[in-house]
Amino acid sequence: MSGKIELLNTTLAAAKAADRAALIAYLPAGFPTVDGGIEAVKAVIAGGADVVEIGLPHSDPVLDGPVIQTADDIALRGGVRIADVMRTVREAYEATGVPILVMTYWNPIDRYGVERFTAELAEAGGAGCILPDLPVQESALWREHAEKHGLATVFVVAPSSQDARLATITAAGSGFVYAASLMGVTGTRASVGAQAQDLVGRTRATTDLPVCVGLGVSNAAQAAEVAGFADGVIVGSAFVKAMLDAPDEAAGLAAVRSLAGELAEGVRKR
């Protein structure tokens, strides 16, 4: 079975054709449980998310702030495994038909085996992977297998990335480019800032891929602001925090669905 990179491409193109940014939601697998995590993905899609990133919980994340680290710790203590990540992708995709990506650090894939990981992700109906710590110059093996299995390879660019470096990164990527709005880890911010708009402009000068902005967006007003200059708005910590703050799982699912609705409205008010 081939992966769903084309579904990702057409979904992002459809949002652009509708003159709006896409809403991309992030949730970690296995949080609060594997079953609960699957229901949370369905809830954000029901609320209006166009694309979902499933986080593969990691004990030593370099990009994730304290909120996502807390959720990852809950998932890891619950015994989450890569098989559970694949199950989350499969059940979310089969239930919704929405493109589902995995966001993961490189070490778990390296240990699991690139061919095995890409084949299983494609078989599960996955659309690709976001790989925040895989250097482009060391990515040939991954990209070979991802392309063979119809999976997108999404790299992360940052405000510190020089223009020549941006061109190298975007030339190697597919699906979209993940533009980190600021230097630092994930988490909600009072302001997303001008750095993000500058980065999107510089990145667009190097590629025709959609450029989607993450790190810091937590409400409809911020989503609308970012949607004014980006092709996609990526929201993670705000969804995870809504789940963490809820008194029980049912309340958490209602909260993330409601937040997705507000954010979906925001990206349409660009």
C-alpha atoms as a PDB file:
ATOM      1  CA  MET A   1       0.000   0.000   0.000  1.00  0.00           C
ATOM      2  CA  SER A   2       1.312   3.431  -0.907  1.00  0.00           C
ATOM      3  CA  GLY A   3       1.395   6.322   1.533  1.00  0.00           C
ATOM      4  CA  LYS A   4      -0.871   9.326   1.229  1.00  0.00           C
ATOM      5  CA  ILE A   5       1.471  12.123   0.143  1.00  0.00           C
ATOM      6  CA  GLU A   6      -0.914  12.981  -2.699  1.00  0.00           C
ATOM      7  CA  LEU A   7      -3.783  13.319  -0.232  1.00  0.00           C
ATOM      8  CA  LEU A   8      -1.636  15.743   1.767  1.00  0.00           C
ATOM      9  CA  ASN A   9      -0.781  17.703  -1.373  1.00  0.00           C
ATOM     10  CA  THR A  10      -4.399  17.955  -2.524  1.00  0.00           C
ATOM     11  CA  THR A  11      -5.621  18.901   0.967  1.00  0.00           C
ATOM     12  CA  LEU A  12      -3.170  21.795   1.199  1.00  0.00           C
ATOM     13  CA  ALA A  13      -3.942  22.835  -2.375  1.00  0.00           C
ATOM     14  CA  ALA A  14      -7.676  22.813  -1.639  1.00  0.00           C
ATOM     15  CA  ALA A  15      -7.193  25.136   1.342  1.00  0.00           C
ATOM     16  CA  LYS A  16      -5.164  27.491  -0.843  1.00  0.00           C
ATOM     17  CA  ALA A  17      -7.843  27.373  -3.551  1.00  0.00           C
ATOM     18  CA  ALA A  18     -10.384  28.352  -0.888  1.00  0.00           C
ATOM     19  CA  ASP A  19      -8.172  31.372  -0.082  1.00  0.00           C
ATOM     20  CA  ARG A  20      -7.327  30.239   3.418  1.00  0.00           C
ATOM     21  CA  ALA A  21      -4.575  28.548   5.350  1.00  0.00           C
ATOM     22  CA  ALA A  22      -4.830  24.914   6.406  1.00  0.00           C
ATOM     23  CA  LEU A  23      -5.201  24.059  10.087  1.00  0.00           C
ATOM     24  CA  ILE A  24      -2.673  21.413  11.147  1.00  0.00           C
ATOM     25  CA  ALA A  25      -3.148  19.895  14.593  1.00  0.00           C
ATOM     26  CA  TYR A  26      -0.530  18.021  16.622  1.00  0.00           C
ATOM     27  CA  LEU A  27      -1.270  15.404  19.271  1.00  0.00           C
ATOM     28  CA  PRO A  28       1.052  12.755  20.740  1.00  0.00           C
ATOM     29  CA  ALA A  29       0.183   9.084  20.370  1.00  0.00           C
ATOM     30  CA  GLY A  30      -0.646   7.259  23.583  1.00  0.00           C
ATOM     31  CA  PHE A  31      -1.897  10.361  25.396  1.00  0.00           C
ATOM     32  CA  PRO A  32      -3.790  10.098  27.668  1.00  0.00           C
ATOM     33  CA  THR A  33      -3.984   6.462  26.538  1.00  0.00           C
ATOM     34  CA  VAL A  34      -3.649   4.888  23.106  1.00  0.00           C
ATOM     35  CA  ASP A  35      -7.433   4.673  22.713  1.00  0.00           C
ATOM     36  CA  GLY A  36      -7.889   8.152  24.171  1.00  0.00           C
ATOM     37  CA  GLY A  37      -5.273   9.550  21.823  1.00  0.00           C
ATOM     38  CA  ILE A  38      -7.086   8.102  18.806  1.00  0.00           C
ATOM     39  CA  GLU A  39     -10.341   9.686  19.984  1.00  0.00           C
ATOM     40  CA  ALA A  40      -8.551  13.021  20.476  1.00  0.00           C
ATOM     41  CA  VAL A  41      -7.338  12.955  16.861  1.00  0.00           C
ATOM     42  CA  LYS A  42     -10.876  12.272  15.681  1.00  0.00           C
ATOM     43  CA  ALA A  43     -12.099  15.151  17.861  1.00  0.00           C
ATOM     44  CA  VAL A  44      -9.715  17.751  16.404  1.00  0.00           C
ATOM     45  CA  ILE A  45     -10.648  16.638  12.898  1.00  0.00           C
ATOM     46  CA  ALA A  46     -14.348  16.873  13.753  1.00  0.00           C
ATOM     47  CA  GLY A  47     -13.635  20.400  15.012  1.00  0.00           C
ATOM     48  CA  GLY A  48     -12.066  21.451  11.724  1.00  0.00           C
ATOM     49  CA  ALA A  49      -8.413  20.352  11.468  1.00  0.00           C
ATOM     50  CA  ASP A  50      -7.375  19.711   7.864  1.00  0.00           C
ATOM     51  CA  VAL A  51      -4.234  17.704   8.655  1.00  0.00           C
ATOM     52  CA  VAL A  52      -3.014  15.985  11.827  1.00  0.00           C
ATOM     53  CA  GLU A  53       0.503  15.300  13.076  1.00  0.00           C
ATOM     54  CA  ILE A  54       0.841  12.345  15.450  1.00  0.00           C
ATOM     55  CA  GLY A  55       3.775  12.741  17.801  1.00  0.00           C
ATOM     56  CA  LEU A  56       5.926   9.702  18.515  1.00  0.00           C
ATOM     57  CA  PRO A  57       6.668  10.178  22.234  1.00  0.00           C
ATOM     58  CA  HIS A  58      10.363  10.516  22.986  1.00  0.00           C
ATOM     59  CA  SER A  59      12.234  10.602  26.282  1.00  0.00           C
ATOM     60  CA  ASP A  60      14.677  13.308  25.171  1.00  0.00           C
ATOM     61  CA  PRO A  61      12.892  15.764  22.883  1.00  0.00           C
ATOM     62  CA  VAL A  62      14.829  18.754  21.561  1.00  0.00           C
ATOM     63  CA  LEU A  63      11.962  20.761  20.061  1.00  0.00           C
ATOM     64  CA  ASP A  64       9.123  20.105  22.512  1.00  0.00           C
ATOM     65  CA  GLY A  65       8.377  22.360  25.451  1.00  0.00           C
ATOM     66  CA  PRO A  66       7.095  21.384  28.917  1.00  0.00           C
ATOM     67  CA  VAL A  67       3.443  20.815  27.925  1.00  0.00           C
ATOM     68  CA  ILE A  68       4.212  18.248  25.229  1.00  0.00           C
ATOM     69  CA  GLN A  69       6.993  16.759  27.369  1.00  0.00           C
ATOM     70  CA  THR A  70       4.416  16.129  30.099  1.00  0.00           C
ATOM     71  CA  ALA A  71       2.090  14.364  27.648  1.00  0.00           C
ATOM     72  CA  ASP A  72       4.992  12.346  26.224  1.00  0.00           C
ATOM     73  CA  ASP A  73       5.952  11.252  29.730  1.00  0.00           C
ATOM     74  CA  ILE A  74       2.384  10.083  30.394  1.00  0.00           C
ATOM     75  CA  ALA A  75       2.385   8.140  27.119  1.00  0.00           C
ATOM     76  CA  LEU A  76       5.797   6.571  27.754  1.00  0.00           C
ATOM     77  CA  ARG A  77       4.866   5.560  31.308  1.00  0.00           C
ATOM     78  CA  GLY A  78       1.746   4.023  29.794  1.00  0.00           C
ATOM     79  CA  GLY A  79       3.979   1.824  27.656  1.00  0.00           C
ATOM     80  CA  VAL A  80       3.353   3.376  24.214  1.00  0.00           C
ATOM     81  CA  ARG A  81       5.288   1.742  21.370  1.00  0.00           C
ATOM     82  CA  ILE A  82       5.799   2.430  17.673  1.00  0.00           C
ATOM     83  CA  ALA A  83       3.100  -0.165  16.957  1.00  0.00           C
ATOM     84  CA  ASP A  84       0.672   2.065  18.898  1.00  0.00           C
ATOM     85  CA  VAL A  85       1.723   5.075  16.816  1.00  0.00           C
ATOM     86  CA  MET A  86       0.998   3.107  13.641  1.00  0.00           C
ATOM     87  CA  ARG A  87      -2.356   2.007  15.057  1.00  0.00           C
ATOM     88  CA  THR A  88      -3.208   5.621  15.867  1.00  0.00           C
ATOM     89  CA  VAL A  89      -2.393   6.665  12.294  1.00  0.00           C
ATOM     90  CA  ARG A  90      -4.381   3.788  10.819  1.00  0.00           C
ATOM     91  CA  GLU A  91      -7.523   4.234  12.900  1.00  0.00           C
ATOM     92  CA  ALA A  92      -7.525   8.027  12.552  1.00  0.00           C
ATOM     93  CA  TYR A  93      -7.073   7.853   8.797  1.00  0.00           C
ATOM     94  CA  GLU A  94      -9.655   5.102   8.301  1.00  0.00           C
ATOM     95  CA  ALA A  95     -12.206   6.992  10.409  1.00  0.00           C
ATOM     96  CA  THR A  96     -11.713  10.407   8.786  1.00  0.00           C
ATOM     97  CA  GLY A  97      -9.888  10.216   5.451  1.00  0.00           C
ATOM     98  CA  VAL A  98      -7.726  13.168   6.571  1.00  0.00           C
ATOM     99  CA  PRO A  99      -3.954  13.173   5.923  1.00  0.00           C
ATOM    100  CA  ILE A 100      -2.089  11.973   9.008  1.00  0.00           C
ATOM    101  CA  LEU A 101       1.644  12.486   9.481  1.00  0.00           C
ATOM    102  CA  VAL A 102       4.013  11.306  12.187  1.00  0.00           C
ATOM    103  CA  MET A 103       6.311  13.792  13.901  1.00  0.00           C
ATOM    104  CA  THR A 104       9.319  12.025  15.322  1.00  0.00           C
ATOM    105  CA  TYR A 105      12.935  12.422  16.247  1.00  0.00           C
ATOM    106  CA  TRP A 106      15.352  10.354  14.220  1.00  0.00           C
ATOM    107  CA  ASN A 107      16.644   7.936  16.854  1.00  0.00           C
ATOM    108  CA  PRO A 108      13.459   5.801  17.139  1.00  0.00           C
ATOM    109  CA  ILE A 109      13.313   5.361  13.342  1.00  0.00           C
ATOM    110  CA  ASP A 110      17.004   4.545  13.163  1.00  0.00           C
ATOM    111  CA  ARG A 111      16.625   1.852  15.801  1.00  0.00           C
ATOM    112  CA  TYR A 112      13.392   0.490  14.323  1.00  0.00           C
ATOM    113  CA  GLY A 113      14.751   0.391  10.771  1.00  0.00           C
ATOM    114  CA  VAL A 114      14.020   2.896   8.013  1.00  0.00           C
ATOM    115  CA  GLU A 115      12.548   0.381   5.570  1.00  0.00           C
ATOM    116  CA  ARG A 116      10.363  -1.200   8.241  1.00  0.00           C
ATOM    117  CA  PHE A 117       9.133   2.173   9.535  1.00  0.00           C
ATOM    118  CA  THR A 118       8.300   3.633   6.120  1.00  0.00           C
ATOM    119  CA  ALA A 119       6.603   0.443   4.928  1.00  0.00           C
ATOM    120  CA  GLU A 120       4.449   0.229   8.064  1.00  0.00           C
ATOM    121  CA  LEU A 121       3.561   3.929   7.997  1.00  0.00           C
ATOM    122  CA  ALA A 122       2.471   3.694   4.362  1.00  0.00           C
ATOM    123  CA  GLU A 123       0.484   0.529   5.074  1.00  0.00           C
ATOM    124  CA  ALA A 124      -1.284   2.344   7.911  1.00  0.00           C
ATOM    125  CA  GLY A 125      -2.381   5.107   5.549  1.00  0.00           C
ATOM    126  CA  GLY A 126       0.138   7.690   6.745  1.00  0.00           C
ATOM    127  CA  ALA A 127       0.969  10.716   4.600  1.00  0.00           C
ATOM    128  CA  GLY A 128       4.538  11.260   5.730  1.00  0.00           C
ATOM    129  CA  CYS A 129       6.887  12.307   8.517  1.00  0.00           C
ATOM    130  CA  ILE A 130       8.116  15.517  10.098  1.00  0.00           C
ATOM    131  CA  LEU A 131      11.722  15.020  11.152  1.00  0.00           C
ATOM    132  CA  PRO A 132      12.943  17.979  13.229  1.00  0.00           C
ATOM    133  CA  ASP A 133      16.403  16.659  14.071  1.00  0.00           C
ATOM    134  CA  LEU A 134      17.390  14.803  10.868  1.00  0.00           C
ATOM    135  CA  PRO A 135      20.053  16.845   9.018  1.00  0.00           C
ATOM    136  CA  VAL A 136      19.276  17.113   5.317  1.00  0.00           C
ATOM    137  CA  GLN A 137      22.789  15.988   4.423  1.00  0.00           C
ATOM    138  CA  GLU A 138      22.184  12.731   6.325  1.00  0.00           C
ATOM    139  CA  SER A 139      18.669  12.128   5.003  1.00  0.00           C
ATOM    140  CA  ALA A 140      19.275  10.291   1.712  1.00  0.00           C
ATOM    141  CA  LEU A 141      18.405   6.833   3.061  1.00  0.00           C
ATOM    142  CA  TRP A 142      15.195   8.100   4.650  1.00  0.00           C
ATOM    143  CA  ARG A 143      14.145  10.030   1.547  1.00  0.00           C
ATOM    144  CA  GLU A 144      14.781   7.040  -0.705  1.00  0.00           C
ATOM    145  CA  HIS A 145      12.441   4.833   1.324  1.00  0.00           C
ATOM    146  CA  ALA A 146       9.877   7.579   1.926  1.00  0.00           C
ATOM    147  CA  GLU A 147       9.621   8.284  -1.798  1.00  0.00           C
ATOM    148  CA  LYS A 148       9.350   4.569  -2.564  1.00  0.00           C
ATOM    149  CA  HIS A 149       6.411   4.291  -0.170  1.00  0.00           C
ATOM    150  CA  GLY A 150       4.602   7.501  -1.139  1.00  0.00           C
ATOM    151  CA  LEU A 151       5.416   9.441   2.041  1.00  0.00           C
ATOM    152  CA  ALA A 152       6.205  13.134   2.467  1.00  0.00           C
ATOM    153  CA  THR A 153       9.444  14.228   4.100  1.00  0.00           C
ATOM    154  CA  VAL A 154       8.833  17.459   6.019  1.00  0.00           C
ATOM    155  CA  PHE A 155      11.887  19.314   7.276  1.00  0.00           C
ATOM    156  CA  VAL A 156      11.926  22.123   9.839  1.00  0.00           C
ATOM    157  CA  VAL A 157      13.416  25.555   9.111  1.00  0.00           C
ATOM    158  CA  ALA A 158      14.083  28.219  11.730  1.00  0.00           C
ATOM    159  CA  PRO A 159      14.597  31.997  11.810  1.00  0.00           C
ATOM    160  CA  SER A 160      18.341  31.345  12.140  1.00  0.00           C
ATOM    161  CA  SER A 161      18.432  29.433   8.830  1.00  0.00           C
ATOM    162  CA  GLN A 162      20.434  31.335   6.222  1.00  0.00           C
ATOM    163  CA  ASP A 163      18.988  31.654   2.713  1.00  0.00           C
ATOM    164  CA  ALA A 164      21.405  29.160   1.158  1.00  0.00           C
ATOM    165  CA  ARG A 165      20.592  26.680   3.902  1.00  0.00           C
ATOM    166  CA  LEU A 166      16.858  27.212   3.331  1.00  0.00           C
ATOM    167  CA  ALA A 167      17.314  26.371  -0.351  1.00  0.00           C
ATOM    168  CA  THR A 168      19.138  23.143   0.527  1.00  0.00           C
ATOM    169  CA  ILE A 169      16.453  22.099   2.998  1.00  0.00           C
ATOM    170  CA  THR A 170      13.461  22.901   0.814  1.00  0.00           C
ATOM    171  CA  ALA A 171      14.984  21.183  -2.220  1.00  0.00           C
ATOM    172  CA  ALA A 172      15.165  17.937  -0.235  1.00  0.00           C
ATOM    173  CA  GLY A 173      11.700  18.134   1.341  1.00  0.00           C
ATOM    174  CA  SER A 174       8.216  17.257   0.151  1.00  0.00           C
ATOM    175  CA  GLY A 175       4.650  17.796   1.342  1.00  0.00           C
ATOM    176  CA  PHE A 176       5.276  21.127   3.040  1.00  0.00           C
ATOM    177  CA  VAL A 177       7.952  23.034   4.930  1.00  0.00           C
ATOM    178  CA  TYR A 178       7.577  23.378   8.706  1.00  0.00           C
ATOM    179  CA  ALA A 179       8.641  26.913   9.623  1.00  0.00           C
ATOM    180  CA  ALA A 180       9.427  27.262  13.323  1.00  0.00           C
ATOM    181  CA  SER A 181       8.176  30.742  14.201  1.00  0.00           C
ATOM    182  CA  LEU A 182      10.918  31.429  16.726  1.00  0.00           C
ATOM    183  CA  MET A 183      14.060  30.039  18.233  1.00  0.00           C
ATOM    184  CA  GLY A 184      13.136  27.789  21.150  1.00  0.00           C
ATOM    185  CA  VAL A 185      10.853  24.919  22.044  1.00  0.00           C
ATOM    186  CA  THR A 186       7.158  24.355  21.454  1.00  0.00           C
ATOM    187  CA  GLY A 187       4.648  26.113  23.659  1.00  0.00           C
ATOM    188  CA  THR A 188       1.978  28.773  23.531  1.00  0.00           C
ATOM    189  CA  ARG A 189       3.157  32.368  23.192  1.00  0.00           C
ATOM    190  CA  ALA A 190       1.521  35.747  23.718  1.00  0.00           C
ATOM    191  CA  SER A 191       2.735  36.766  20.257  1.00  0.00           C
ATOM    192  CA  VAL A 192       3.961  34.773  17.284  1.00  0.00           C
ATOM    193  CA  GLY A 193       5.943  37.770  16.048  1.00  0.00           C
ATOM    194  CA  ALA A 194       7.428  39.189  12.886  1.00  0.00           C
ATOM    195  CA  GLN A 195      10.225  36.600  12.730  1.00  0.00           C
ATOM    196  CA  ALA A 196       7.760  34.065  11.405  1.00  0.00           C
ATOM    197  CA  GLN A 197       6.548  36.266   8.555  1.00  0.00           C
ATOM    198  CA  ASP A 198      10.116  37.018   7.511  1.00  0.00           C
ATOM    199  CA  LEU A 199      10.999  33.313   7.602  1.00  0.00           C
ATOM    200  CA  VAL A 200       7.981  32.387   5.490  1.00  0.00           C
ATOM    201  CA  GLY A 201       8.916  34.994   2.892  1.00  0.00           C
ATOM    202  CA  ARG A 202      12.531  33.821   2.726  1.00  0.00           C
ATOM    203  CA  THR A 203      11.460  30.178   2.548  1.00  0.00           C
ATOM    204  CA  ARG A 204       8.932  30.825  -0.214  1.00  0.00           C
ATOM    205  CA  ALA A 205      11.698  32.412  -2.275  1.00  0.00           C
ATOM    206  CA  THR A 206      13.354  28.970  -2.439  1.00  0.00           C
ATOM    207  CA  THR A 207      10.409  26.612  -3.072  1.00  0.00           C
ATOM    208  CA  ASP A 208       6.892  26.069  -4.366  1.00  0.00           C
ATOM    209  CA  LEU A 209       6.092  23.839  -1.383  1.00  0.00           C
ATOM    210  CA  PRO A 210       3.487  25.165   1.065  1.00  0.00           C
ATOM    211  CA  VAL A 211       5.081  26.818   4.098  1.00  0.00           C
ATOM    212  CA  CYS A 212       3.308  26.094   7.376  1.00  0.00           C
ATOM    213  CA  VAL A 213       4.102  27.851  10.648  1.00  0.00           C
ATOM    214  CA  GLY A 214       4.267  26.230  14.074  1.00  0.00           C
ATOM    215  CA  LEU A 215       5.436  27.064  17.623  1.00  0.00           C
ATOM    216  CA  GLY A 216       3.346  29.476  19.612  1.00  0.00           C
ATOM    217  CA  VAL A 217      -0.144  29.582  18.090  1.00  0.00           C
ATOM    218  CA  SER A 218      -2.838  28.943  20.694  1.00  0.00           C
ATOM    219  CA  ASN A 219      -5.956  30.945  19.821  1.00  0.00           C
ATOM    220  CA  ALA A 220      -8.130  32.084  16.922  1.00  0.00           C
ATOM    221  CA  ALA A 221      -6.601  35.578  16.759  1.00  0.00           C
ATOM    222  CA  GLN A 222      -3.068  34.197  16.457  1.00  0.00           C
ATOM    223  CA  ALA A 223      -4.264  31.628  13.911  1.00  0.00           C
ATOM    224  CA  ALA A 224      -5.783  34.414  11.830  1.00  0.00           C
ATOM    225  CA  GLU A 225      -2.567  36.448  12.063  1.00  0.00           C
ATOM    226  CA  VAL A 226      -0.368  33.572  10.912  1.00  0.00           C
ATOM    227  CA  ALA A 227      -2.870  32.537   8.238  1.00  0.00           C
ATOM    228  CA  GLY A 228      -2.384  35.988   6.740  1.00  0.00           C
ATOM    229  CA  PHE A 229       1.109  35.054   5.557  1.00  0.00           C
ATOM    230  CA  ALA A 230       1.465  31.250   5.819  1.00  0.00           C
ATOM    231  CA  ASP A 231      -0.061  28.314   3.926  1.00  0.00           C
ATOM    232  CA  GLY A 232      -0.767  26.401   7.107  1.00  0.00           C
ATOM    233  CA  VAL A 233      -1.065  27.050  10.843  1.00  0.00           C
ATOM    234  CA  ILE A 234       0.328  24.317  13.099  1.00  0.00           C
ATOM    235  CA  VAL A 235      -1.037  24.043  16.646  1.00  0.00           C
ATOM    236  CA  GLY A 236       0.168  21.502  19.192  1.00  0.00           C
ATOM    237  CA  SER A 237       0.758  22.638  22.770  1.00  0.00           C
ATOM    238  CA  ALA A 238      -2.634  24.367  23.009  1.00  0.00           C
ATOM    239  CA  PHE A 239      -4.424  21.096  22.172  1.00  0.00           C
ATOM    240  CA  VAL A 240      -2.277  19.096  24.582  1.00  0.00           C
ATOM    241  CA  LYS A 241      -2.816  21.657  27.347  1.00  0.00           C
ATOM    242  CA  ALA A 242      -6.579  21.478  26.805  1.00  0.00           C
ATOM    243  CA  MET A 243      -6.383  17.714  27.366  1.00  0.00           C
ATOM    244  CA  LEU A 244      -4.099  18.045  30.390  1.00  0.00           C
ATOM    245  CA  ASP A 245      -6.315  20.674  32.027  1.00  0.00           C
ATOM    246  CA  ALA A 246      -9.564  18.748  31.539  1.00  0.00           C
ATOM    247  CA  PRO A 247     -11.043  16.967  34.590  1.00  0.00           C
ATOM    248  CA  ASP A 248     -11.659  13.782  32.605  1.00  0.00           C
ATOM    249  CA  GLU A 249     -11.195  12.323  29.140  1.00  0.00           C
ATOM    250  CA  ALA A 250     -14.675  13.221  27.891  1.00  0.00           C
ATOM    251  CA  ALA A 251     -14.146  16.852  28.877  1.00  0.00           C
ATOM    252  CA  GLY A 252     -10.740  16.790  27.205  1.00  0.00           C
ATOM    253  CA  LEU A 253     -12.198  15.541  23.932  1.00  0.00           C
ATOM    254  CA  ALA A 254     -14.866  18.247  24.040  1.00  0.00           C
ATOM    255  CA  ALA A 255     -12.202  20.870  24.752  1.00  0.00           C
ATOM    256  CA  VAL A 256      -9.934  19.943  21.835  1.00  0.00           C
ATOM    257  CA  ARG A 257     -12.888  19.733  19.457  1.00  0.00           C
ATOM    258  CA  SER A 258     -14.031  23.195  20.550  1.00  0.00           C
ATOM    259  CA  LEU A 259     -10.515  24.638  20.251  1.00  0.00           C
ATOM    260  CA  ALA A 260     -10.150  23.152  16.770  1.00  0.00           C
ATOM    261  CA  GLY A 261     -13.394  24.850  15.808  1.00  0.00           C
ATOM    262  CA  GLU A 262     -12.156  28.226  17.046  1.00  0.00           C
ATOM    263  CA  LEU A 263      -8.829  27.838  15.263  1.00  0.00           C
ATOM    264  CA  ALA A 264     -10.518  26.676  12.046  1.00  0.00           C
ATOM    265  CA  GLU A 265     -12.609  29.819  12.178  1.00  0.00           C
ATOM    266  CA  GLY A 266      -9.441  31.829  12.760  1.00  0.00           C
ATOM    267  CA  VAL A 267      -7.625  30.534   9.674  1.00  0.00           C
ATOM    268  CA  ARG A 268     -10.654  31.523   7.607  1.00  0.00           C
ATOM    269  CA  LYS A 269     -10.451  35.144   8.887  1.00  0.00           C
ATOM    270  CA  ARG A 270      -6.920  35.753   7.629  1.00  0.00           C
END
